[in-house]
C-alpha atoms as a PDB file:
ATOM      1  CA  MET A   1       0.000   0.000   0.000  1.00  0.00           C
ATOM      2  CA  ALA A   2       1.159   3.544  -0.743  1.00  0.00           C
ATOM      3  CA  ASP A   3       2.400   5.837   2.028  1.00  0.00           C
ATOM      4  CA  ILE A   4      -0.246   6.385   4.664  1.00  0.00           C
ATOM      5  CA  LYS A   5      -1.098   9.937   5.561  1.00  0.00           C
ATOM      6  CA  ALA A   6      -4.365  10.729   7.335  1.00  0.00           C
ATOM      7  CA  LEU A   7      -6.231  14.022   7.542  1.00  0.00           C
ATOM      8  CA  VAL A   8      -8.617  14.490  10.468  1.00  0.00           C
ATOM      9  CA  VAL A   9     -11.206  17.206   9.866  1.00  0.00           C
ATOM     10  CA  ALA A  10     -11.589  18.736  13.318  1.00  0.00           C
ATOM     11  CA  GLU A  11     -14.794  19.863  14.948  1.00  0.00           C
ATOM     12  CA  HIS A  12     -14.292  23.009  16.979  1.00  0.00           C
ATOM     13  CA  ASP A  13     -15.877  26.227  18.223  1.00  0.00           C
ATOM     14  CA  ASN A  14     -12.918  28.356  17.025  1.00  0.00           C
ATOM     15  CA  ALA A  15     -11.652  28.646  20.616  1.00  0.00           C
ATOM     16  CA  GLY A  16     -10.995  24.941  21.159  1.00  0.00           C
ATOM     17  CA  ILE A  17     -11.635  21.517  19.662  1.00  0.00           C
ATOM     18  CA  ARG A  18     -14.581  19.286  20.495  1.00  0.00           C
ATOM     19  CA  PRO A  19     -14.056  15.953  22.305  1.00  0.00           C
ATOM     20  CA  ALA A  20     -15.140  13.920  19.255  1.00  0.00           C
ATOM     21  CA  THR A  21     -12.029  15.103  17.429  1.00  0.00           C
ATOM     22  CA  LEU A  22      -9.799  13.431  20.023  1.00  0.00           C
ATOM     23  CA  ASN A  23     -11.447  10.052  19.385  1.00  0.00           C
ATOM     24  CA  THR A  24     -11.062  10.575  15.638  1.00  0.00           C
ATOM     25  CA  VAL A  25      -7.344  11.320  16.053  1.00  0.00           C
ATOM     26  CA  THR A  26      -6.974   7.988  17.880  1.00  0.00           C
ATOM     27  CA  ALA A  27      -8.689   6.179  14.996  1.00  0.00           C
ATOM     28  CA  ALA A  28      -6.421   7.926  12.495  1.00  0.00           C
ATOM     29  CA  GLY A  29      -3.376   6.878  14.511  1.00  0.00           C
ATOM     30  CA  LYS A  30      -4.380   3.213  14.142  1.00  0.00           C
ATOM     31  CA  LEU A  31      -3.710   3.496  10.399  1.00  0.00           C
ATOM     32  CA  GLY A  32       0.025   3.574  11.013  1.00  0.00           C
ATOM     33  CA  GLY A  33       1.001   6.776   9.225  1.00  0.00           C
ATOM     34  CA  GLU A  34       1.216  10.503   9.903  1.00  0.00           C
ATOM     35  CA  VAL A  35      -1.850  12.240  11.294  1.00  0.00           C
ATOM     36  CA  HIS A  36      -2.627  15.817  10.268  1.00  0.00           C
ATOM     37  CA  VAL A  37      -5.549  17.874  11.576  1.00  0.00           C
ATOM     38  CA  LEU A  38      -7.474  20.496   9.598  1.00  0.00           C
ATOM     39  CA  ILE A  39      -8.866  23.491  11.464  1.00  0.00           C
ATOM     40  CA  ALA A  40     -11.131  25.460   9.126  1.00  0.00           C
ATOM     41  CA  GLY A  41     -12.530  28.388  11.055  1.00  0.00           C
ATOM     42  CA  SER A  42     -12.829  32.123  11.640  1.00  0.00           C
ATOM     43  CA  GLY A  43     -10.732  33.474  14.482  1.00  0.00           C
ATOM     44  CA  ALA A  44      -9.718  29.890  15.149  1.00  0.00           C
ATOM     45  CA  ALA A  45      -6.170  30.364  16.438  1.00  0.00           C
ATOM     46  CA  GLY A  46      -7.246  28.890  19.784  1.00  0.00           C
ATOM     47  CA  ALA A  47      -8.601  25.764  18.133  1.00  0.00           C
ATOM     48  CA  ALA A  48      -5.415  25.402  16.054  1.00  0.00           C
ATOM     49  CA  SER A  49      -3.267  25.666  19.191  1.00  0.00           C
ATOM     50  CA  ALA A  50      -5.433  23.098  20.967  1.00  0.00           C
ATOM     51  CA  ALA A  51      -5.119  20.714  18.006  1.00  0.00           C
ATOM     52  CA  ALA A  52      -1.343  21.175  17.950  1.00  0.00           C
ATOM     53  CA  ALA A  53      -1.155  20.042  21.577  1.00  0.00           C
ATOM     54  CA  VAL A  54      -2.988  16.750  20.939  1.00  0.00           C
ATOM     55  CA  SER A  55      -0.771  13.711  21.318  1.00  0.00           C
ATOM     56  CA  GLY A  56      -0.141  11.903  18.037  1.00  0.00           C
ATOM     57  CA  VAL A  57      -0.769  14.867  15.728  1.00  0.00           C
ATOM     58  CA  ALA A  58       2.147  15.554  13.353  1.00  0.00           C
ATOM     59  CA  LYS A  59       0.864  18.771  11.772  1.00  0.00           C
ATOM     60  CA  VAL A  60      -2.064  21.183  12.020  1.00  0.00           C
ATOM     61  CA  LEU A  61      -3.395  22.863   8.888  1.00  0.00           C
ATOM     62  CA  HIS A  62      -5.168  26.115   9.726  1.00  0.00           C
ATOM     63  CA  ALA A  63      -7.517  27.592   7.110  1.00  0.00           C
ATOM     64  CA  GLU A  64      -8.760  30.980   8.283  1.00  0.00           C
ATOM     65  CA  GLY A  65     -11.742  32.641   6.607  1.00  0.00           C
ATOM     66  CA  GLU A  66     -15.134  34.153   7.335  1.00  0.00           C
ATOM     67  CA  GLN A  67     -16.787  31.427   5.237  1.00  0.00           C
ATOM     68  CA  PHE A  68     -15.771  28.890   7.888  1.00  0.00           C
ATOM     69  CA  ALA A  69     -17.260  30.816  10.825  1.00  0.00           C
ATOM     70  CA  HIS A  70     -20.318  28.581  11.119  1.00  0.00           C
ATOM     71  CA  GLY A  71     -18.948  25.321   9.732  1.00  0.00           C
ATOM     72  CA  LEU A  72     -21.036  25.325   6.544  1.00  0.00           C
ATOM     73  CA  ALA A  73     -20.551  21.932   4.908  1.00  0.00           C
ATOM     74  CA  GLU A  74     -20.088  23.328   1.398  1.00  0.00           C
ATOM     75  CA  ASN A  75     -17.192  25.572   2.404  1.00  0.00           C
ATOM     76  CA  VAL A  76     -15.452  23.067   4.670  1.00  0.00           C
ATOM     77  CA  ALA A  77     -15.821  20.316   2.042  1.00  0.00           C
ATOM     78  CA  ALA A  78     -14.223  22.578  -0.578  1.00  0.00           C
ATOM     79  CA  GLN A  79     -11.218  23.125   1.696  1.00  0.00           C
ATOM     80  CA  VAL A  80     -10.904  19.386   2.369  1.00  0.00           C
ATOM     81  CA  LEU A  81     -11.079  18.633  -1.362  1.00  0.00           C
ATOM     82  CA  ALA A  82      -8.257  21.096  -2.029  1.00  0.00           C
ATOM     83  CA  LEU A  83      -6.074  19.100   0.372  1.00  0.00           C
ATOM     84  CA  ALA A  84      -7.295  15.609  -0.586  1.00  0.00           C
ATOM     85  CA  PRO A  85      -4.588  14.798  -3.202  1.00  0.00           C
ATOM     86  CA  GLY A  86      -1.989  14.706  -0.417  1.00  0.00           C
ATOM     87  CA  TYR A  87      -3.774  12.139   1.749  1.00  0.00           C
ATOM     88  CA  SER A  88      -4.603   8.436   1.703  1.00  0.00           C
ATOM     89  CA  HIS A  89      -7.312   8.745   4.387  1.00  0.00           C
ATOM     90  CA  ILE A  90      -9.700  11.561   5.345  1.00  0.00           C
ATOM     91  CA  LEU A  91     -11.497  11.100   8.660  1.00  0.00           C
ATOM     92  CA  PHE A  92     -14.477  12.786  10.278  1.00  0.00           C
ATOM     93  CA  ALA A  93     -16.262  12.097  13.553  1.00  0.00           C
ATOM     94  CA  ALA A  94     -19.641  10.411  12.930  1.00  0.00           C
ATOM     95  CA  THR A  95     -21.509  13.399  14.358  1.00  0.00           C
ATOM     96  CA  ALA A  96     -24.087  15.687  12.770  1.00  0.00           C
ATOM     97  CA  SER A  97     -21.276  17.859  11.404  1.00  0.00           C
ATOM     98  CA  GLY A  98     -19.141  14.985  10.129  1.00  0.00           C
ATOM     99  CA  LYS A  99     -22.115  13.249   8.515  1.00  0.00           C
ATOM    100  CA  ASN A 100     -22.924  16.515   6.747  1.00  0.00           C
ATOM    101  CA  ILE A 101     -19.485  17.099   5.259  1.00  0.00           C
ATOM    102  CA  ALA A 102     -18.052  13.616   4.606  1.00  0.00           C
ATOM    103  CA  PRO A 103     -20.583  12.510   1.930  1.00  0.00           C
ATOM    104  CA  ARG A 104     -19.887  15.660  -0.075  1.00  0.00           C
ATOM    105  CA  VAL A 105     -16.169  14.938  -0.001  1.00  0.00           C
ATOM    106  CA  ALA A 106     -16.641  11.272  -0.937  1.00  0.00           C
ATOM    107  CA  ALA A 107     -18.999  12.126  -3.802  1.00  0.00           C
ATOM    108  CA  LYS A 108     -16.649  14.739  -5.236  1.00  0.00           C
ATOM    109  CA  LEU A 109     -13.736  12.297  -5.030  1.00  0.00           C
ATOM    110  CA  ASP A 110     -15.922   9.564  -6.568  1.00  0.00           C
ATOM    111  CA  VAL A 111     -15.152   7.102  -3.771  1.00  0.00           C
ATOM    112  CA  GLY A 112     -17.343   5.121  -1.413  1.00  0.00           C
ATOM    113  CA  GLN A 113     -17.698   6.510   2.092  1.00  0.00           C
ATOM    114  CA  ILE A 114     -16.857   4.098   4.938  1.00  0.00           C
ATOM    115  CA  SER A 115     -19.284   5.044   7.703  1.00  0.00           C
ATOM    116  CA  ASP A 116     -19.285   4.696  11.471  1.00  0.00           C
ATOM    117  CA  ILE A 117     -16.139   2.601  11.900  1.00  0.00           C
ATOM    118  CA  THR A 118     -15.419   1.119  15.337  1.00  0.00           C
ATOM    119  CA  LYS A 119     -12.103  -0.597  14.583  1.00  0.00           C
ATOM    120  CA  VAL A 120      -9.188  -0.376  12.161  1.00  0.00           C
ATOM    121  CA  ASP A 121      -8.062  -3.865  11.096  1.00  0.00           C
ATOM    122  CA  ALA A 122      -5.671  -2.614   8.401  1.00  0.00           C
ATOM    123  CA  PRO A 123      -5.222   0.641   6.449  1.00  0.00           C
ATOM    124  CA  ASP A 124      -7.788  -0.617   3.913  1.00  0.00           C
ATOM    125  CA  THR A 125      -9.978  -2.741   6.220  1.00  0.00           C
ATOM    126  CA  PHE A 126     -12.380  -1.544   8.906  1.00  0.00           C
ATOM    127  CA  GLU A 127     -15.149  -2.806  11.162  1.00  0.00           C
ATOM    128  CA  ARG A 128     -18.517  -1.111  11.518  1.00  0.00           C
ATOM    129  CA  PRO A 129     -21.797  -2.074  13.217  1.00  0.00           C
ATOM    130  CA  ILE A 130     -24.839  -3.004  11.137  1.00  0.00           C
ATOM    131  CA  TYR A 131     -28.394  -4.112  11.993  1.00  0.00           C
ATOM    132  CA  ALA A 132     -28.568  -1.749  14.970  1.00  0.00           C
ATOM    133  CA  GLY A 133     -25.292  -3.085  16.315  1.00  0.00           C
ATOM    134  CA  ASN A 134     -26.352  -6.731  16.280  1.00  0.00           C
ATOM    135  CA  ALA A 135     -23.720  -7.623  13.680  1.00  0.00           C
ATOM    136  CA  ILE A 136     -20.301  -6.264  12.799  1.00  0.00           C
ATOM    137  CA  ALA A 137     -19.372  -5.868   9.143  1.00  0.00           C
ATOM    138  CA  THR A 138     -15.749  -6.004   8.001  1.00  0.00           C
ATOM    139  CA  VAL A 139     -15.349  -3.575   5.110  1.00  0.00           C
ATOM    140  CA  GLN A 140     -12.385  -3.464   2.732  1.00  0.00           C
ATOM    141  CA  SER A 141     -11.914  -0.503   0.421  1.00  0.00           C
ATOM    142  CA  LEU A 142      -9.753  -0.414  -2.681  1.00  0.00           C
ATOM    143  CA  ASP A 143     -10.411   3.290  -3.306  1.00  0.00           C
ATOM    144  CA  PRO A 144      -7.281   5.438  -3.625  1.00  0.00           C
ATOM    145  CA  VAL A 145      -8.575   7.763  -0.887  1.00  0.00           C
ATOM    146  CA  LYS A 146     -10.584   6.426   2.057  1.00  0.00           C
ATOM    147  CA  VAL A 147     -13.255   8.829   3.316  1.00  0.00           C
ATOM    148  CA  ILE A 148     -14.220   7.625   6.781  1.00  0.00           C
ATOM    149  CA  THR A 149     -16.565   8.605   9.589  1.00  0.00           C
ATOM    150  CA  VAL A 150     -15.595   7.373  13.053  1.00  0.00           C
ATOM    151  CA  ARG A 151     -17.995   6.186  15.744  1.00  0.00           C
ATOM    152  CA  THR A 152     -16.368   8.005  18.637  1.00  0.00           C
ATOM    153  CA  THR A 153     -17.453   5.464  21.257  1.00  0.00           C
ATOM    154  CA  GLY A 154     -15.309   2.865  19.486  1.00  0.00           C
ATOM    155  CA  PHE A 155     -12.029   4.665  20.227  1.00  0.00           C
ATOM    156  CA  ASP A 156     -10.487   6.152  23.351  1.00  0.00           C
ATOM    157  CA  PRO A 157      -9.804   9.897  23.119  1.00  0.00           C
ATOM    158  CA  ALA A 158      -6.253  10.965  22.302  1.00  0.00           C
ATOM    159  CA  ALA A 159      -4.483  12.887  25.062  1.00  0.00           C
ATOM    160  CA  ALA A 160      -5.315  16.585  24.683  1.00  0.00           C
ATOM    161  CA  THR A 161      -1.820  17.565  25.863  1.00  0.00           C
ATOM    162  CA  GLY A 162       1.681  16.363  25.229  1.00  0.00           C
ATOM    163  CA  GLY A 163       1.887  17.125  21.523  1.00  0.00           C
ATOM    164  CA  SER A 164       3.767  19.974  19.857  1.00  0.00           C
ATOM    165  CA  ALA A 165       2.757  19.856  16.210  1.00  0.00           C
ATOM    166  CA  PRO A 166       3.628  22.760  13.905  1.00  0.00           C
ATOM    167  CA  VAL A 167       0.729  24.879  12.610  1.00  0.00           C
ATOM    168  CA  GLU A 168       0.727  25.642   8.886  1.00  0.00           C
ATOM    169  CA  MET A 169      -1.491  28.460   7.618  1.00  0.00           C
ATOM    170  CA  LEU A 170      -3.445  27.751   4.441  1.00  0.00           C
ATOM    171  CA  THR A 171      -4.872  30.096   1.847  1.00  0.00           C
ATOM    172  CA  PRO A 172      -8.628  29.447   1.898  1.00  0.00           C
ATOM    173  CA  GLY A 173     -10.581  29.113  -1.312  1.00  0.00           C
ATOM    174  CA  ALA A 174     -13.577  31.236  -2.277  1.00  0.00           C
ATOM    175  CA  ALA A 175     -16.826  30.818  -0.365  1.00  0.00           C
ATOM    176  CA  TYR A 176     -19.586  28.732  -1.938  1.00  0.00           C
ATOM    177  CA  ALA A 177     -21.942  31.330  -3.385  1.00  0.00           C
ATOM    178  CA  ARG A 178     -25.230  29.419  -3.205  1.00  0.00           C
ATOM    179  CA  SER A 179     -25.213  28.688   0.546  1.00  0.00           C
ATOM    180  CA  THR A 180     -25.217  31.302   3.277  1.00  0.00           C
ATOM    181  CA  PHE A 181     -25.580  31.136   7.035  1.00  0.00           C
ATOM    182  CA  VAL A 182     -28.925  32.581   8.134  1.00  0.00           C
ATOM    183  CA  GLY A 183     -29.035  31.888  11.864  1.00  0.00           C
ATOM    184  CA  SER A 184     -29.090  29.287  14.597  1.00  0.00           C
ATOM    185  CA  GLU A 185     -30.996  28.490  17.756  1.00  0.00           C
ATOM    186  CA  ILE A 186     -28.657  26.978  20.304  1.00  0.00           C
ATOM    187  CA  ALA A 187     -30.185  25.009  23.166  1.00  0.00           C
ATOM    188  CA  LYS A 188     -28.693  26.192  26.454  1.00  0.00           C
ATOM    189  CA  ASN A 189     -27.739  23.367  28.786  1.00  0.00           C
ATOM    190  CA  ASP A 190     -25.740  23.558  32.010  1.00  0.00           C
ATOM    191  CA  ARG A 191     -25.283  19.801  32.055  1.00  0.00           C
ATOM    192  CA  PRO A 192     -22.453  17.843  30.413  1.00  0.00           C
ATOM    193  CA  GLU A 193     -22.789  17.215  26.676  1.00  0.00           C
ATOM    194  CA  LEU A 194     -24.600  13.920  26.157  1.00  0.00           C
ATOM    195  CA  THR A 195     -22.023  12.301  23.880  1.00  0.00           C
ATOM    196  CA  SER A 196     -19.094  13.085  26.202  1.00  0.00           C
ATOM    197  CA  ALA A 197     -20.775  12.752  29.627  1.00  0.00           C
ATOM    198  CA  LYS A 198     -19.295  10.252  32.077  1.00  0.00           C
ATOM    199  CA  ILE A 199     -22.709   9.643  33.693  1.00  0.00           C
ATOM    200  CA  ILE A 200     -26.104   9.670  31.956  1.00  0.00           C
ATOM    201  CA  VAL A 201     -29.564   9.345  33.484  1.00  0.00           C
ATOM    202  CA  SER A 202     -32.165   8.415  30.859  1.00  0.00           C
ATOM    203  CA  GLY A 203     -35.932   8.110  31.036  1.00  0.00           C
ATOM    204  CA  GLY A 204     -38.448   6.294  28.881  1.00  0.00           C
ATOM    205  CA  ARG A 205     -42.122   6.405  28.008  1.00  0.00           C
ATOM    206  CA  ALA A 206     -42.976   5.116  31.497  1.00  0.00           C
ATOM    207  CA  MET A 207     -42.178   8.595  32.850  1.00  0.00           C
ATOM    208  CA  GLY A 208     -45.707   9.556  31.725  1.00  0.00           C
ATOM    209  CA  SER A 209     -45.193  13.294  31.193  1.00  0.00           C
ATOM    210  CA  SER A 210     -42.517  15.946  30.808  1.00  0.00           C
ATOM    211  CA  ASP A 211     -43.327  17.230  34.299  1.00  0.00           C
ATOM    212  CA  LYS A 212     -42.756  13.789  35.826  1.00  0.00           C
ATOM    213  CA  PHE A 213     -39.613  13.359  33.711  1.00  0.00           C
ATOM    214  CA  ASN A 214     -38.101  16.515  35.222  1.00  0.00           C
ATOM    215  CA  GLU A 215     -39.529  15.992  38.699  1.00  0.00           C
ATOM    216  CA  VAL A 216     -38.154  12.465  39.085  1.00  0.00           C
ATOM    217  CA  LEU A 217     -34.958  12.350  37.033  1.00  0.00           C
ATOM    218  CA  THR A 218     -33.550  15.872  37.414  1.00  0.00           C
ATOM    219  CA  PRO A 219     -32.742  15.478  41.151  1.00  0.00           C
ATOM    220  CA  LEU A 220     -30.864  12.236  40.408  1.00  0.00           C
ATOM    221  CA  ALA A 221     -28.934  13.844  37.558  1.00  0.00           C
ATOM    222  CA  ASP A 222     -28.114  16.815  39.807  1.00  0.00           C
ATOM    223  CA  LYS A 223     -26.772  14.544  42.543  1.00  0.00           C
ATOM    224  CA  LEU A 224     -24.582  12.623  40.109  1.00  0.00           C
ATOM    225  CA  GLY A 225     -23.515  15.547  37.905  1.00  0.00           C
ATOM    226  CA  ALA A 226     -25.013  13.612  35.034  1.00  0.00           C
ATOM    227  CA  ALA A 227     -26.369  14.421  31.592  1.00  0.00           C
ATOM    228  CA  LEU A 228     -30.044  13.696  30.926  1.00  0.00           C
ATOM    229  CA  GLY A 229     -31.075  11.364  28.105  1.00  0.00           C
ATOM    230  CA  ALA A 230     -34.269   9.825  26.813  1.00  0.00           C
ATOM    231  CA  SER A 231     -35.567   6.980  24.693  1.00  0.00           C
ATOM    232  CA  ARG A 232     -37.117   7.700  21.319  1.00  0.00           C
ATOM    233  CA  ALA A 233     -40.555   6.862  22.736  1.00  0.00           C
ATOM    234  CA  ALA A 234     -40.129   9.518  25.434  1.00  0.00           C
ATOM    235  CA  VAL A 235     -38.981  12.088  22.891  1.00  0.00           C
ATOM    236  CA  ASP A 236     -41.820  11.274  20.477  1.00  0.00           C
ATOM    237  CA  ALA A 237     -44.301  11.644  23.338  1.00  0.00           C
ATOM    238  CA  GLY A 238     -42.938  15.110  24.081  1.00  0.00           C
ATOM    239  CA  TYR A 239     -41.506  14.235  27.499  1.00  0.00           C
ATOM    240  CA  ALA A 240     -37.969  15.272  26.562  1.00  0.00           C
ATOM    241  CA  PRO A 241     -36.328  17.437  23.866  1.00  0.00           C
ATOM    242  CA  ASN A 242     -35.059  15.851  20.670  1.00  0.00           C
ATOM    243  CA  ASP A 243     -31.389  16.453  21.468  1.00  0.00           C
ATOM    244  CA  TRP A 244     -31.666  14.180  24.514  1.00  0.00           C
ATOM    245  CA  GLN A 245     -32.534  11.132  22.409  1.00  0.00           C
ATOM    246  CA  VAL A 246     -30.192   8.169  22.834  1.00  0.00           C
ATOM    247  CA  GLY A 247     -30.324   5.413  20.225  1.00  0.00           C
ATOM    248  CA  GLN A 248     -29.719   4.427  16.649  1.00  0.00           C
ATOM    249  CA  THR A 249     -31.522   7.522  15.323  1.00  0.00           C
ATOM    250  CA  GLY A 250     -30.348   9.675  18.229  1.00  0.00           C
ATOM    251  CA  LYS A 251     -26.978   9.903  19.921  1.00  0.00           C
ATOM    252  CA  ILE A 252     -24.553   7.040  20.434  1.00  0.00           C
ATOM    253  CA  VAL A 253     -23.135   7.172  23.957  1.00  0.00           C
ATOM    254  CA  ALA A 254     -20.716   5.134  26.067  1.00  0.00           C
ATOM    255  CA  PRO A 255     -20.475   6.737  29.514  1.00  0.00           C
ATOM    256  CA  GLN A 256     -18.913   5.199  32.603  1.00  0.00           C
ATOM    257  CA  LEU A 257     -22.404   4.875  34.115  1.00  0.00           C
ATOM    258  CA  TYR A 258     -25.765   4.721  32.304  1.00  0.00           C
ATOM    259  CA  ILE A 259     -28.957   4.686  34.366  1.00  0.00           C
ATOM    260  CA  ALA A 260     -32.073   3.697  32.407  1.00  0.00           C
ATOM    261  CA  ALA A 261     -35.322   4.467  34.250  1.00  0.00           C
ATOM    262  CA  GLY A 262     -38.569   3.225  32.752  1.00  0.00           C
ATOM    263  CA  ILE A 263     -36.908   2.225  29.474  1.00  0.00           C
ATOM    264  CA  SER A 264     -38.023  -1.138  28.101  1.00  0.00           C
ATOM    265  CA  GLY A 265     -34.926  -1.571  25.948  1.00  0.00           C
ATOM    266  CA  ALA A 266     -36.072  -1.509  22.331  1.00  0.00           C
ATOM    267  CA  ILE A 267     -33.318  -2.568  19.939  1.00  0.00           C
ATOM    268  CA  GLN A 268     -33.081   0.992  18.622  1.00  0.00           C
ATOM    269  CA  HIS A 269     -32.258   2.302  22.096  1.00  0.00           C
ATOM    270  CA  LEU A 270     -29.849  -0.506  22.974  1.00  0.00           C
ATOM    271  CA  ALA A 271     -27.845   0.254  19.835  1.00  0.00           C
ATOM    272  CA  GLY A 272     -27.095   3.697  21.246  1.00  0.00           C
ATOM    273  CA  MET A 273     -26.014   2.815  24.781  1.00  0.00           C
ATOM    274  CA  LYS A 274     -24.992  -0.834  25.130  1.00  0.00           C
ATOM    275  CA  ASP A 275     -21.279   0.062  25.062  1.00  0.00           C
ATOM    276  CA  SER A 276     -21.664   1.946  28.369  1.00  0.00           C
ATOM    277  CA  LYS A 277     -19.203   0.658  30.981  1.00  0.00           C
ATOM    278  CA  VAL A 278     -21.845   0.073  33.698  1.00  0.00           C
ATOM    279  CA  ILE A 279     -25.583  -0.070  32.931  1.00  0.00           C
ATOM    280  CA  VAL A 280     -28.206   0.212  35.664  1.00  0.00           C
ATOM    281  CA  ALA A 281     -31.820  -0.542  34.697  1.00  0.00           C
ATOM    282  CA  ILE A 282     -34.889   0.345  36.759  1.00  0.00           C
ATOM    283  CA  ASN A 283     -38.129  -1.106  35.412  1.00  0.00           C
ATOM    284  CA  LYS A 284     -41.149  -2.762  37.002  1.00  0.00           C
ATOM    285  CA  ASP A 285     -41.404  -5.241  34.096  1.00  0.00           C
ATOM    286  CA  GLU A 286     -38.947  -8.010  34.887  1.00  0.00           C
ATOM    287  CA  GLU A 287     -39.179  -9.246  31.278  1.00  0.00           C
ATOM    288  CA  ALA A 288     -38.019  -5.889  29.835  1.00  0.00           C
ATOM    289  CA  PRO A 289     -35.212  -6.371  27.253  1.00  0.00           C
ATOM    290  CA  ILE A 290     -33.125  -3.673  28.960  1.00  0.00           C
ATOM    291  CA  PHE A 291     -32.232  -6.215  31.661  1.00  0.00           C
ATOM    292  CA  SER A 292     -30.415  -8.322  29.059  1.00  0.00           C
ATOM    293  CA  VAL A 293     -27.667  -5.678  28.767  1.00  0.00           C
ATOM    294  CA  ALA A 294     -27.818  -4.288  32.313  1.00  0.00           C
ATOM    295  CA  ASP A 295     -25.018  -4.902  34.805  1.00  0.00           C
ATOM    296  CA  TYR A 296     -27.432  -4.092  37.629  1.00  0.00           C
ATOM    297  CA  GLY A 297     -31.206  -4.428  37.383  1.00  0.00           C
ATOM    298  CA  LEU A 298     -33.864  -3.269  39.817  1.00  0.00           C
ATOM    299  CA  VAL A 299     -37.408  -4.578  39.260  1.00  0.00           C
ATOM    300  CA  GLN A 300     -39.379  -1.816  40.924  1.00  0.00           C
ATOM    301  CA  ASP A 301     -41.632   1.146  40.177  1.00  0.00           C
ATOM    302  CA  LEU A 302     -39.275   3.935  39.114  1.00  0.00           C
ATOM    303  CA  PHE A 303     -41.439   6.543  40.889  1.00  0.00           C
ATOM    304  CA  VAL A 304     -40.572   4.778  44.153  1.00  0.00           C
ATOM    305  CA  ALA A 305     -37.017   3.637  43.374  1.00  0.00           C
ATOM    306  CA  VAL A 306     -35.532   6.832  41.949  1.00  0.00           C
ATOM    307  CA  PRO A 307     -36.569   9.158  44.829  1.00  0.00           C
ATOM    308  CA  GLU A 308     -35.231   6.574  47.283  1.00  0.00           C
ATOM    309  CA  LEU A 309     -31.967   6.472  45.336  1.00  0.00           C
ATOM    310  CA  VAL A 310     -31.743  10.271  45.464  1.00  0.00           C
ATOM    311  CA  LYS A 311     -32.257  10.199  49.255  1.00  0.00           C
ATOM    312  CA  ALA A 312     -29.573   7.540  49.643  1.00  0.00           C
ATOM    313  CA  LEU A 313     -27.105   9.665  47.704  1.00  0.00           C
END
């Protein structure tokens, strides 16, 4: 195989890089070649410095331009495509941002995208979950450039310090004329981000209402310093906001501790949380599928068990 050189397209807020990028750097390091990181942003010197400090990064490429201020996929993809001839692998985190940009890059390069990898077997061979995580596919690609999205829960994060990579400034291309940033509504949340939280407390349809969801689960989350999550059924019923959804069509999480209260354990939900280190299930139905993946199961009414747990803490 030709020389291996991987480009990680970083997610950042211009001041620093997001945790998902650290997992993606680890995946890139498994390929066995040099790892470079692209920071495309506006006023993103802080993010470039943070990327340069990540262990395992050989070089940071910093593209500075107003067109990158909001991470528009068209503009970031154009910058990636300008760099693509120098790389054997281009990696993105399998997040909303990565899933938006990667297919554009793959299509323009006329290669097949390799999605949601959880393991690198060889520079051209990868493993990825299929059928809601019930089977693992081994995928080999003969494309000259591999465009990859990385399931972040499959890889430990790279150390955020210890590196001293040089930062190379790039000349950005012209902005894509047919897409402009109009605005955004950012949900304010004082809790840890769901995908990077060490502890998650999730509720299901059994919560019964949004009021009960907050009344019962919020005190537990407060005590534990946890993020709040929800099953798809709870989100569809309006008990919890959409960005709390854990599962195949929501967020994939792997915290140190996952507490599932009133969640039956539909396959869609299990696909999003079964890699958690310790799973605690509280459900009054002893036949609930959630108990099949739980490390600790409590067959009890959650409206009794959770307040008692809060008191005990």
